[in-house]
Protein backbone atom coordinates (compact mmCIF):
# COMPACT_ATOMS: atom_id res chain seq x y z
CA UNK A 1 13.68 -17.83 4.36
CA UNK A 2 14.99 -17.04 0.93
CA UNK A 3 16.12 -13.62 -0.23
CA UNK A 4 13.74 -12.03 -2.72
CA UNK A 5 14.50 -10.89 -6.23
CA UNK A 6 11.80 -8.33 -6.92
CA UNK A 7 10.53 -8.22 -10.49
CA UNK A 8 10.06 -4.51 -11.16
CA UNK A 9 8.64 -5.02 -14.66
CA UNK A 10 5.28 -6.02 -13.22
CA UNK A 11 4.13 -2.65 -11.89
CA UNK A 12 0.37 -3.15 -12.01
CA UNK A 13 -0.90 -4.11 -8.60
CA UNK A 14 -2.92 -7.23 -7.99
CA UNK A 15 -5.73 -5.20 -6.42
CA UNK A 16 -6.05 -3.12 -9.56
CA UNK A 17 -6.09 -6.27 -11.68
CA UNK A 18 -8.85 -7.85 -9.59
CA UNK A 19 -11.01 -4.73 -9.97
CA UNK A 20 -10.19 -3.85 -13.56
CA UNK A 21 -13.68 -4.79 -14.78
CA UNK A 22 -16.46 -2.24 -14.36
CA UNK A 23 -18.83 -4.82 -12.92
CA UNK A 24 -16.45 -5.54 -10.02
CA UNK A 25 -15.79 -1.86 -9.38
CA UNK A 26 -19.53 -1.20 -9.41
CA UNK A 27 -20.11 -4.03 -6.93
CA UNK A 28 -17.40 -2.63 -4.64
CA UNK A 29 -18.87 0.87 -4.86
CA UNK A 30 -22.36 -0.47 -4.07
CA UNK A 31 -21.02 -2.39 -1.08
CA UNK A 32 -19.20 0.65 0.32
CA UNK A 33 -22.02 3.14 -0.24
CA UNK A 34 -25.07 0.91 0.25
CA UNK A 35 -26.29 1.65 -3.27
CA UNK A 36 -27.77 -0.64 -5.94
CA UNK A 37 -26.41 0.52 -9.29
CA UNK A 38 -26.64 -2.09 -12.05
CA UNK A 39 -25.71 -0.23 -15.23
CA UNK A 40 -21.95 -0.50 -15.82
CA UNK A 41 -22.11 2.28 -18.41
CA UNK A 42 -22.95 4.76 -15.64
CA UNK A 43 -19.42 4.26 -14.27
CA UNK A 44 -16.69 6.37 -15.91
CA UNK A 45 -13.10 5.22 -15.32
CA UNK A 46 -10.79 8.18 -14.60
CA UNK A 47 -7.59 6.38 -13.56
CA UNK A 48 -4.45 8.28 -14.54
CA UNK A 49 -1.72 5.82 -15.42
CA UNK A 50 1.55 7.69 -15.64
CA UNK A 51 1.28 10.80 -13.59
CA UNK A 52 0.83 11.91 -10.57
CA UNK A 53 3.69 13.11 -8.42
CA UNK A 54 7.19 11.71 -8.14
CA UNK A 55 6.14 8.45 -9.75
CA UNK A 56 3.12 7.76 -7.54
CA UNK A 57 0.17 6.01 -9.17
CA UNK A 58 -3.35 5.56 -7.91
CA UNK A 59 -4.81 2.07 -8.19
CA UNK A 60 -8.14 3.07 -9.69
CA UNK A 61 -10.48 6.03 -9.83
CA UNK A 62 -13.89 6.51 -11.36
CA UNK A 63 -16.99 8.69 -11.35
CA UNK A 64 -20.54 7.58 -10.70
CA UNK A 65 -23.41 9.31 -8.90
CA UNK A 66 -21.47 12.59 -9.21
CA UNK A 67 -18.91 11.07 -6.84
CA UNK A 68 -15.24 10.87 -7.81
CA UNK A 69 -13.94 7.76 -6.05
CA UNK A 70 -10.25 7.09 -5.57
CA UNK A 71 -9.44 3.56 -4.39
CA UNK A 72 -5.96 2.54 -3.29
CA UNK A 73 -4.54 -0.71 -2.01
CA UNK A 74 -1.78 -0.46 0.61
CA UNK A 75 0.22 -3.19 2.33
CA UNK A 76 2.17 -0.64 4.40
CA UNK A 77 0.60 2.07 6.53
CA UNK A 78 1.60 5.71 6.07
CA UNK A 79 0.25 8.79 7.86
CA UNK A 80 0.98 10.72 4.65
CA UNK A 81 -1.88 9.13 2.70
CA UNK A 82 -4.10 12.27 2.88
CA UNK A 83 -1.30 14.33 1.34
CA UNK A 84 -0.90 11.80 -1.43
CA UNK A 85 -4.67 11.84 -1.91
CA UNK A 86 -4.62 15.62 -2.28
CA UNK A 87 -2.01 15.33 -5.05
CA UNK A 88 -3.97 12.57 -6.78
CA UNK A 89 -7.22 14.50 -6.69
CA UNK A 90 -5.56 17.64 -8.00
CA UNK A 91 -4.55 15.74 -11.14
CA UNK A 92 -7.91 14.00 -11.43
CA UNK A 93 -9.83 17.26 -11.20
CA UNK A 94 -7.45 18.96 -13.60
CA UNK A 95 -8.16 16.26 -16.17
CA UNK A 96 -11.90 16.36 -15.41
CA UNK A 97 -12.32 20.10 -16.07
CA UNK A 98 -9.90 20.30 -18.99
CA UNK A 99 -12.69 20.41 -21.63
CA UNK A 100 -14.38 23.34 -19.84
CA UNK A 101 -11.44 24.97 -18.08
CA UNK A 102 -12.37 28.45 -19.38
CA UNK A 103 -15.44 28.30 -17.16
CA UNK A 104 -13.14 28.68 -14.16
CA UNK A 105 -13.30 32.42 -14.83
CA UNK A 106 -17.06 32.61 -15.34
CA UNK A 107 -19.56 34.09 -12.92
CA UNK A 108 -21.47 30.82 -12.55
CA UNK A 109 -20.37 27.92 -10.34
CA UNK A 110 -18.42 25.13 -12.04
CA UNK A 111 -19.83 22.12 -10.22
CA UNK A 112 -17.49 19.15 -9.73
CA UNK A 113 -17.93 15.58 -8.43
CA UNK A 114 -17.64 14.99 -4.69
CA UNK A 115 -14.36 13.22 -3.78
CA UNK A 116 -14.27 9.91 -1.92
CA UNK A 117 -10.87 8.48 -0.92
CA UNK A 118 -10.76 4.84 0.28
CA UNK A 119 -7.61 2.94 1.29
CA UNK A 120 -7.83 -0.86 1.36
CA UNK A 121 -5.17 -2.02 3.80
CA UNK A 122 -3.96 -5.63 3.95
CA UNK A 123 -0.53 -5.36 5.54
CA UNK A 124 0.78 -7.62 8.28
CA UNK A 125 0.60 -5.06 11.10
CA UNK A 126 -2.51 -5.01 13.25
CA UNK A 127 -4.83 -2.15 12.31
CA UNK A 128 -8.44 -1.34 13.28
CA UNK A 129 -11.40 -2.19 11.08
CA UNK A 130 -11.66 1.41 9.93
CA UNK A 131 -10.02 4.73 10.68
CA UNK A 132 -9.80 8.18 9.17
CA UNK A 133 -6.63 10.09 8.36
CA UNK A 134 -6.82 13.85 7.81
CA UNK A 135 -4.58 16.15 5.84
CA UNK A 136 -4.94 18.73 8.62
CA UNK A 137 -3.13 16.36 11.00
CA UNK A 138 0.01 17.02 8.96
CA UNK A 139 -0.14 20.81 9.15
CA UNK A 140 2.67 22.35 11.19
CA UNK A 141 0.57 25.25 12.43
CA UNK A 142 -2.53 23.99 14.22
CA UNK A 143 -4.08 27.22 15.53
CA UNK A 144 -5.66 28.59 12.36
CA UNK A 145 -8.55 26.97 10.51
CA UNK A 146 -7.01 25.41 7.36
CA UNK A 147 -8.42 26.17 3.94
CA UNK A 148 -7.74 22.62 2.74
CA UNK A 149 -8.73 19.18 3.95
CA UNK A 150 -8.48 15.67 2.55
CA UNK A 151 -9.81 12.65 4.40
CA UNK A 152 -8.58 9.14 3.72
CA UNK A 153 -10.77 6.31 5.02
CA UNK A 154 -8.58 3.29 5.74
CA UNK A 155 -10.36 -0.09 5.74
CA UNK A 156 -8.66 -3.23 7.01
CA UNK A 157 -9.38 -5.93 4.43
CA UNK A 158 -7.33 -8.73 5.92
CA UNK A 159 -9.33 -11.93 6.17
CA UNK A 160 -11.62 -11.80 9.20
CA UNK A 161 -11.99 -8.02 9.17
CA UNK A 162 -14.91 -5.95 7.86
CA UNK A 163 -17.00 -9.07 7.43
CA UNK A 164 -20.20 -7.23 6.48
CA UNK A 165 -18.43 -5.43 3.64
CA UNK A 166 -16.87 -8.70 2.46
CA UNK A 167 -20.25 -10.41 2.30
CA UNK A 168 -21.58 -7.57 0.13
CA UNK A 169 -18.69 -7.77 -2.36
CA UNK A 170 -17.59 -11.24 -3.45
CA UNK A 171 -14.50 -10.01 -5.35
CA UNK A 172 -13.17 -8.21 -2.26
CA UNK A 173 -13.77 -11.26 -0.08
CA UNK A 174 -11.98 -13.53 -2.55
CA UNK A 175 -9.11 -11.06 -2.75
CA UNK A 176 -8.75 -11.21 1.05
CA UNK A 177 -8.89 -15.02 0.96
CA UNK A 178 -6.26 -15.10 -1.77
CA UNK A 179 -3.84 -12.86 0.16
CA UNK A 180 -4.31 -14.94 3.32
CA UNK A 181 -3.68 -18.13 1.33
CA UNK A 182 -0.46 -16.71 -0.11
CA UNK A 183 0.88 -15.86 3.34
CA UNK A 184 -0.07 -19.26 4.74
CA UNK A 185 1.62 -21.11 1.86
CA UNK A 186 4.77 -19.00 1.98
CA UNK A 187 5.07 -19.71 5.69
CA UNK A 188 4.40 -23.42 5.13
CA UNK A 189 6.98 -23.90 2.37
CA UNK A 190 9.48 -21.28 3.63
CA UNK A 191 9.99 -20.32 0.00
CA UNK A 192 8.28 -17.40 -1.71
CA UNK A 193 8.05 -18.78 -5.22
CA UNK A 194 7.00 -22.29 -4.18
CA UNK A 195 4.49 -20.94 -1.67
CA UNK A 196 3.01 -18.47 -4.14
CA UNK A 197 2.52 -21.09 -6.86
CA UNK A 198 0.96 -23.47 -4.34
CA UNK A 199 -1.44 -20.73 -3.20
CA UNK A 200 -2.44 -19.94 -6.78
CA UNK A 201 -3.12 -23.63 -7.51
CA UNK A 202 -5.15 -24.01 -4.32
CA UNK A 203 -7.28 -20.95 -5.08
CA UNK A 204 -7.95 -22.11 -8.65
CA UNK A 205 -9.10 -25.49 -7.35
CA UNK A 206 -11.33 -23.88 -4.69
CA UNK A 207 -12.97 -21.15 -6.75
CA UNK A 208 -11.08 -18.20 -5.22
CA UNK A 209 -10.45 -15.65 -8.01
CA UNK A 210 -10.28 -18.72 -10.22
CA UNK A 211 -11.33 -16.98 -13.46
CA UNK A 212 -8.60 -14.37 -13.10
CA UNK A 213 -5.96 -16.89 -12.05
CA UNK A 214 -6.72 -19.32 -14.87
CA UNK A 215 -6.40 -16.61 -17.51
CA UNK A 216 -3.39 -14.80 -16.08
CA UNK A 217 -1.56 -17.29 -13.88
CA UNK A 218 2.05 -16.37 -14.69
CA UNK A 219 1.37 -12.62 -14.64
CA UNK A 220 -0.39 -12.87 -11.28
CA UNK A 221 2.47 -14.91 -9.79
CA UNK A 222 4.93 -12.22 -10.87
CA UNK A 223 2.76 -9.48 -9.40
CA UNK A 224 2.49 -11.36 -6.13
CA UNK A 225 6.24 -11.82 -5.87
CA UNK A 226 6.62 -8.08 -6.44
CA UNK A 227 3.81 -6.82 -4.24
CA UNK A 228 3.75 -8.98 -1.15
CA UNK A 229 7.28 -10.29 -0.72
CA UNK A 230 8.90 -6.92 -0.06
CA UNK A 231 6.83 -6.31 3.06
CA UNK A 232 7.21 -9.87 4.35
CA UNK A 233 10.95 -9.78 3.69
CA UNK A 234 11.37 -6.52 5.60
CA UNK A 235 9.52 -8.05 8.55
CA UNK A 236 11.69 -11.17 8.32
CA UNK A 237 14.85 -9.04 8.42
CA UNK A 238 13.57 -7.14 11.45
CA UNK A 239 12.86 -10.36 13.30
CA UNK A 240 16.24 -11.82 12.33
CA UNK A 241 18.05 -8.68 13.55
CA UNK A 242 16.16 -8.74 16.85
CA UNK A 243 16.91 -12.44 17.37
CA UNK A 244 20.59 -11.91 16.62
CA UNK A 245 20.74 -8.98 19.02
CA UNK A 246 19.13 -11.02 21.76
CA UNK A 247 21.51 -13.94 21.21
CA UNK A 248 24.53 -11.68 21.48
CA UNK A 249 23.03 -9.99 24.49
CA UNK A 250 22.65 -13.26 26.37
CA UNK A 251 26.38 -13.87 26.11
CA UNK A 252 26.92 -10.71 28.18
CA UNK A 253 23.98 -11.24 30.47
CA UNK A 254 20.22 -11.67 29.99
CA UNK A 255 19.22 -8.33 31.48
CA UNK A 256 21.76 -6.32 29.56
CA UNK A 257 20.97 -8.25 26.39
CA UNK A 258 17.28 -7.39 26.58
CA UNK A 259 18.02 -3.70 27.02
CA UNK A 260 20.46 -3.65 24.13
CA UNK A 261 18.09 -5.65 21.93
CA UNK A 262 15.30 -3.15 22.51
CA UNK A 263 17.60 -0.20 21.83
CA UNK A 264 18.89 -1.77 18.63
CA UNK A 265 15.36 -2.61 17.50
CA UNK A 266 14.23 0.98 18.02
CA UNK A 267 17.27 2.36 16.21
CA UNK A 268 16.76 -0.01 13.29
CA UNK A 269 13.06 0.83 13.08
CA UNK A 270 13.79 4.56 12.92
CA UNK A 271 16.47 3.99 10.29
CA UNK A 272 14.14 1.82 8.20
CA UNK A 273 11.43 4.50 8.29
CA UNK A 274 13.84 7.17 7.08
CA UNK A 275 15.21 4.93 4.32
CA UNK A 276 11.74 4.09 2.99
CA UNK A 277 10.73 7.76 3.11
CA UNK A 278 13.87 8.78 1.20
CA UNK A 279 13.15 6.12 -1.44
CA UNK A 280 9.56 7.32 -1.77
CA UNK A 281 10.86 10.78 -2.55
CA UNK A 282 13.47 9.38 -4.96
CA UNK A 283 16.57 10.40 -3.02
CA UNK A 284 19.78 8.72 -4.14
CA UNK A 285 21.64 6.07 -2.16
CA UNK A 286 24.33 8.58 -1.14
CA UNK A 287 21.80 11.23 -0.13
CA UNK A 288 19.98 8.67 2.02
CA UNK A 289 23.27 7.55 3.58
CA UNK A 290 24.15 11.14 4.46
CA UNK A 291 20.73 11.69 6.05
CA UNK A 292 21.08 8.52 8.17
CA UNK A 293 24.47 9.64 9.44
CA UNK A 294 23.32 13.19 10.12
CA UNK A 295 19.90 12.52 11.66
CA UNK A 296 20.79 9.56 13.91
CA UNK A 297 24.51 10.32 14.49
CA UNK A 298 25.44 6.93 13.03
CA UNK A 299 28.91 6.01 11.93
CA UNK A 300 29.18 5.32 8.17
CA UNK A 301 29.56 1.57 8.69
CA UNK A 302 26.35 1.28 10.71
CA UNK A 303 24.45 3.49 8.29
CA UNK A 304 25.59 1.32 5.36
CA UNK A 305 24.51 -1.80 7.27
CA UNK A 306 20.96 -0.45 7.56
CA UNK A 307 20.93 0.56 3.89
CA UNK A 308 21.98 -2.93 2.84
CA UNK A 309 18.96 -4.29 4.73
CA UNK A 310 16.34 -1.95 3.31
CA UNK A 311 17.68 -0.79 -0.05
CA UNK A 312 17.11 -3.11 -3.03
CA UNK A 313 20.35 -4.90 -3.81
CA UNK A 314 20.24 -4.02 -7.51
CA UNK A 315 20.20 -0.34 -6.53
CA UNK A 316 23.27 -0.51 -4.27
């Protein structure tokens, strides 16, 4: 499969683009909360575009029903989502109370919207239909009752999951169909760009997000190549490394080869996790290299080999 050139200029996520209209956000909110709101003007968009913390951006947030909803799309799972949610909500609430911030010091309660944090997961790893992640799970000291909590509800929106929710929200169902079609076409053509364009054409012809795709075809293709290819490419590299390790192992003996392949796969998985975490926190290439060497007792050559796999080539 081809190597990917990620287009970093297209930073808006496809999920955010699909739900950029109030009517679609309102339909998604109704489906999640079993409500029947019809007036789009009741929904106040509160998305913060260029903040939050170390370059992180939330996909979309809004207020309706005195509920502050934060919706995120994720194609990779992270146990740190509640911590990210806490940072997002801190900025959202700060912006929300800015006009009346002096009331923080008054003797009357300053009532604020109730937070709701939903993660829409559509990565390639198998995940349950729904699960909750808690900020308190990340606390080092577990004995005392914490004064803070943030709960992230993770919903699996891959095609075939959460069917009842999909039937309630047509845009979400079509989004899931679109993502599944992209993956099928990429696998069929063994080429990301060809497969993506074929998937877009198919969905237009079959009424899957067709209005959006007809109006913004080239922009959507670029977003897809940015958003989905990175995860698929990482998985491809992992499989390739495992296959290569097994092939070399067979030359020395099947039993020994299997053991070495497993050990190498575990080592590579740990190294990948550290590299991605370092990138998320904006550590430099050299700082990440030093951490790989120090944490896993790797020689510099092996550490650089892992970095070349999981660090964007233009950043090397």
